N, C-alpha and C. Protein backbone atom coordinates (compact mmCIF):
# COMPACT_ATOMS: atom_id res chain seq x y z
N MET A 1 -7.71 -21.31 9.45
CA MET A 1 -6.98 -20.20 8.87
C MET A 1 -7.23 -20.19 7.37
N GLU A 2 -7.40 -19.00 6.83
CA GLU A 2 -7.68 -18.85 5.41
C GLU A 2 -6.66 -17.91 4.79
N LYS A 3 -6.13 -18.27 3.66
CA LYS A 3 -5.19 -17.39 2.95
C LYS A 3 -5.94 -16.73 1.81
N ASN A 4 -5.75 -15.42 1.65
CA ASN A 4 -6.31 -14.69 0.51
C ASN A 4 -5.41 -13.48 0.26
N ASN A 5 -5.98 -12.33 -0.09
CA ASN A 5 -5.16 -11.14 -0.34
C ASN A 5 -4.44 -10.68 0.92
N ASN A 6 -4.95 -11.04 2.07
CA ASN A 6 -4.30 -10.72 3.33
C ASN A 6 -3.28 -11.80 3.64
N ASP A 7 -2.34 -11.47 4.51
CA ASP A 7 -1.33 -12.45 4.90
C ASP A 7 -1.91 -13.53 5.79
N TYR A 8 -2.92 -13.17 6.63
CA TYR A 8 -3.43 -14.09 7.62
C TYR A 8 -4.86 -13.71 7.94
N ASN A 9 -5.72 -14.72 8.12
CA ASN A 9 -7.13 -14.47 8.39
C ASN A 9 -7.62 -15.61 9.28
N GLU A 10 -8.04 -15.30 10.51
CA GLU A 10 -8.44 -16.33 11.47
C GLU A 10 -9.76 -15.94 12.13
N VAL A 11 -10.63 -16.91 12.36
CA VAL A 11 -11.88 -16.66 13.07
C VAL A 11 -11.58 -16.67 14.57
N TYR A 12 -12.12 -15.67 15.27
CA TYR A 12 -11.91 -15.53 16.70
C TYR A 12 -13.26 -15.47 17.40
N LYS A 13 -13.51 -16.38 18.30
CA LYS A 13 -14.75 -16.44 19.08
C LYS A 13 -16.00 -16.40 18.20
N GLY A 14 -15.99 -17.17 17.14
CA GLY A 14 -17.19 -17.38 16.35
C GLY A 14 -17.39 -16.48 15.16
N ILE A 15 -17.54 -15.17 15.36
CA ILE A 15 -17.90 -14.30 14.23
C ILE A 15 -16.86 -13.25 13.90
N THR A 16 -15.91 -13.03 14.77
CA THR A 16 -14.90 -12.00 14.54
C THR A 16 -13.72 -12.61 13.79
N ARG A 17 -13.25 -11.90 12.78
CA ARG A 17 -12.06 -12.35 12.06
C ARG A 17 -10.88 -11.46 12.44
N ILE A 18 -9.75 -12.08 12.71
CA ILE A 18 -8.51 -11.37 12.99
C ILE A 18 -7.69 -11.42 11.71
N ILE A 19 -7.29 -10.25 11.23
CA ILE A 19 -6.61 -10.16 9.94
C ILE A 19 -5.25 -9.51 10.11
N LYS A 20 -4.25 -10.11 9.45
CA LYS A 20 -2.91 -9.50 9.38
C LYS A 20 -2.68 -9.11 7.93
N THR A 21 -2.23 -7.90 7.74
CA THR A 21 -1.93 -7.44 6.39
C THR A 21 -0.77 -6.46 6.47
N LYS A 22 -0.42 -5.87 5.36
CA LYS A 22 0.69 -4.90 5.31
C LYS A 22 0.13 -3.49 5.22
N GLU A 23 0.76 -2.58 5.96
CA GLU A 23 0.45 -1.16 5.88
C GLU A 23 1.79 -0.43 5.85
N LYS A 24 2.09 0.18 4.73
CA LYS A 24 3.38 0.87 4.56
C LYS A 24 4.54 -0.07 4.87
N ASP A 25 4.52 -1.26 4.27
CA ASP A 25 5.56 -2.29 4.42
C ASP A 25 5.74 -2.77 5.86
N LYS A 26 4.71 -2.66 6.68
CA LYS A 26 4.76 -3.10 8.07
C LYS A 26 3.55 -3.99 8.34
N ASP A 27 3.76 -5.11 9.03
CA ASP A 27 2.64 -6.00 9.38
C ASP A 27 1.75 -5.31 10.41
N VAL A 28 0.43 -5.35 10.17
CA VAL A 28 -0.54 -4.81 11.12
C VAL A 28 -1.68 -5.80 11.28
N TRP A 29 -2.31 -5.77 12.44
CA TRP A 29 -3.41 -6.66 12.79
C TRP A 29 -4.63 -5.82 13.12
N PHE A 30 -5.82 -6.32 12.72
CA PHE A 30 -7.07 -5.68 13.09
C PHE A 30 -8.18 -6.72 13.08
N ALA A 31 -9.34 -6.35 13.65
CA ALA A 31 -10.45 -7.30 13.76
C ALA A 31 -11.66 -6.77 12.99
N VAL A 32 -12.38 -7.68 12.33
CA VAL A 32 -13.58 -7.31 11.59
C VAL A 32 -14.71 -8.29 11.87
N ILE A 33 -15.92 -7.79 11.74
CA ILE A 33 -17.13 -8.62 11.70
C ILE A 33 -17.81 -8.24 10.40
N GLY A 34 -18.00 -9.22 9.52
CA GLY A 34 -18.52 -8.91 8.19
C GLY A 34 -17.50 -8.04 7.47
N ASN A 35 -17.94 -6.85 7.05
CA ASN A 35 -17.04 -5.91 6.38
C ASN A 35 -16.72 -4.70 7.26
N THR A 36 -17.06 -4.78 8.55
CA THR A 36 -16.89 -3.65 9.47
C THR A 36 -15.72 -3.91 10.43
N ILE A 37 -14.81 -2.96 10.52
CA ILE A 37 -13.71 -3.07 11.47
C ILE A 37 -14.24 -2.82 12.87
N VAL A 38 -13.96 -3.73 13.80
CA VAL A 38 -14.45 -3.58 15.17
C VAL A 38 -13.32 -3.36 16.18
N SER A 39 -12.08 -3.47 15.74
CA SER A 39 -10.98 -3.15 16.66
C SER A 39 -10.79 -1.63 16.67
N ARG A 40 -10.08 -1.15 17.67
CA ARG A 40 -9.85 0.30 17.82
C ARG A 40 -8.62 0.73 17.03
N GLY A 41 -8.52 0.32 15.79
CA GLY A 41 -7.37 0.67 14.96
C GLY A 41 -6.58 -0.56 14.58
N THR A 42 -5.34 -0.35 14.18
CA THR A 42 -4.45 -1.45 13.81
C THR A 42 -3.40 -1.62 14.90
N PHE A 43 -2.87 -2.84 14.99
CA PHE A 43 -1.93 -3.17 16.06
C PHE A 43 -0.72 -3.88 15.47
N ASN A 44 0.40 -3.81 16.19
CA ASN A 44 1.65 -4.41 15.73
C ASN A 44 1.68 -5.92 15.88
N THR A 45 0.92 -6.45 16.86
CA THR A 45 0.92 -7.90 17.09
C THR A 45 -0.52 -8.41 17.22
N LYS A 46 -0.67 -9.70 17.00
CA LYS A 46 -1.98 -10.35 17.16
C LYS A 46 -2.45 -10.24 18.61
N GLU A 47 -1.53 -10.40 19.55
CA GLU A 47 -1.88 -10.35 20.97
C GLU A 47 -2.43 -8.97 21.35
N GLU A 48 -1.83 -7.90 20.83
CA GLU A 48 -2.34 -6.55 21.11
C GLU A 48 -3.75 -6.39 20.57
N CYS A 49 -4.00 -6.93 19.39
CA CYS A 49 -5.33 -6.86 18.78
C CYS A 49 -6.35 -7.61 19.63
N LEU A 50 -5.99 -8.82 20.07
CA LEU A 50 -6.90 -9.62 20.90
C LEU A 50 -7.15 -8.95 22.25
N ASN A 51 -6.12 -8.36 22.84
CA ASN A 51 -6.30 -7.64 24.11
C ASN A 51 -7.25 -6.47 23.93
N ASP A 52 -7.16 -5.78 22.79
CA ASP A 52 -8.07 -4.68 22.51
C ASP A 52 -9.52 -5.16 22.45
N LEU A 53 -9.74 -6.30 21.82
CA LEU A 53 -11.10 -6.84 21.71
C LEU A 53 -11.67 -7.23 23.07
N GLU A 54 -10.81 -7.67 23.97
CA GLU A 54 -11.26 -8.11 25.29
C GLU A 54 -11.61 -6.94 26.21
N LYS A 55 -11.15 -5.74 25.90
CA LYS A 55 -11.47 -4.55 26.70
C LYS A 55 -12.80 -4.00 26.23
N THR A 56 -13.87 -4.49 26.81
CA THR A 56 -15.19 -4.06 26.35
C THR A 56 -15.63 -2.81 27.10
N ASP A 57 -16.12 -1.87 26.34
CA ASP A 57 -16.74 -0.68 26.89
C ASP A 57 -17.94 -0.37 26.00
N TYR A 58 -18.67 0.65 26.33
CA TYR A 58 -19.90 0.96 25.61
C TYR A 58 -19.65 1.17 24.11
N GLU A 59 -18.60 1.92 23.77
CA GLU A 59 -18.29 2.18 22.37
C GLU A 59 -17.99 0.88 21.61
N GLN A 60 -17.22 0.00 22.23
CA GLN A 60 -16.86 -1.27 21.59
C GLN A 60 -18.10 -2.14 21.38
N ILE A 61 -18.97 -2.20 22.38
CA ILE A 61 -20.20 -2.99 22.28
C ILE A 61 -21.08 -2.46 21.16
N CYS A 62 -21.19 -1.14 21.05
CA CYS A 62 -21.99 -0.54 19.96
C CYS A 62 -21.40 -0.86 18.60
N LYS A 63 -20.07 -0.80 18.47
CA LYS A 63 -19.40 -1.15 17.20
C LYS A 63 -19.72 -2.58 16.80
N ILE A 64 -19.63 -3.49 17.76
CA ILE A 64 -19.87 -4.91 17.49
C ILE A 64 -21.33 -5.13 17.12
N ALA A 65 -22.25 -4.51 17.85
CA ALA A 65 -23.68 -4.66 17.56
C ALA A 65 -24.00 -4.14 16.16
N LEU A 66 -23.45 -2.99 15.80
CA LEU A 66 -23.67 -2.43 14.47
C LEU A 66 -23.08 -3.34 13.39
N ALA A 67 -21.90 -3.88 13.64
CA ALA A 67 -21.26 -4.76 12.66
C ALA A 67 -22.08 -6.03 12.44
N VAL A 68 -22.60 -6.61 13.53
CA VAL A 68 -23.41 -7.82 13.42
C VAL A 68 -24.70 -7.51 12.65
N THR A 69 -25.35 -6.41 12.99
CA THR A 69 -26.59 -6.03 12.32
C THR A 69 -26.35 -5.80 10.83
N THR A 70 -25.29 -5.11 10.50
CA THR A 70 -24.95 -4.85 9.09
C THR A 70 -24.65 -6.15 8.35
N ALA A 71 -23.90 -7.04 8.99
CA ALA A 71 -23.58 -8.33 8.35
C ALA A 71 -24.84 -9.14 8.10
N LEU A 72 -25.76 -9.14 9.05
CA LEU A 72 -27.03 -9.87 8.86
C LEU A 72 -27.87 -9.25 7.76
N LYS A 73 -27.91 -7.93 7.71
CA LYS A 73 -28.70 -7.22 6.70
C LYS A 73 -28.15 -7.50 5.30
N ASP A 74 -26.84 -7.53 5.19
CA ASP A 74 -26.19 -7.70 3.88
C ASP A 74 -26.00 -9.16 3.47
N TYR A 75 -26.34 -10.09 4.35
CA TYR A 75 -26.11 -11.51 4.08
C TYR A 75 -27.00 -12.00 2.93
N LYS A 76 -26.38 -12.66 1.98
CA LYS A 76 -27.09 -13.28 0.87
C LYS A 76 -26.58 -14.70 0.75
N PRO A 77 -27.44 -15.69 1.05
CA PRO A 77 -26.97 -17.07 0.96
C PRO A 77 -26.62 -17.44 -0.48
N LYS A 78 -25.62 -18.28 -0.62
CA LYS A 78 -25.22 -18.74 -1.94
C LYS A 78 -26.24 -19.77 -2.44
N LYS A 79 -26.58 -19.66 -3.70
CA LYS A 79 -27.50 -20.64 -4.29
C LYS A 79 -26.76 -21.94 -4.52
N VAL A 80 -27.40 -23.03 -4.17
CA VAL A 80 -26.83 -24.36 -4.35
C VAL A 80 -27.43 -24.98 -5.59
N LYS A 81 -26.57 -25.55 -6.42
CA LYS A 81 -27.06 -26.21 -7.63
C LYS A 81 -27.76 -27.50 -7.25
N GLU A 82 -28.88 -27.73 -7.88
CA GLU A 82 -29.59 -28.99 -7.65
C GLU A 82 -28.89 -30.09 -8.40
N VAL A 83 -28.87 -31.29 -7.81
CA VAL A 83 -28.17 -32.41 -8.42
C VAL A 83 -29.14 -33.29 -9.15
């Protein structure tokens, strides 16, 4: 689990991040790969968000494939200082 500007950030099944944040003073959950949202909107609970991810259909698979491709294209490894 990682804390940052969001209230909660967790890795789910390797590459998907589940994020909880505030929207109009209400907690909402959504899923992202890289910088692309792959859930079908925002959800009131983490369980609803995870259930949405598990319902795979053609549109969902295309969203995930596009998100992975975009993340790979935009990936820039961090330079490591030599010791």
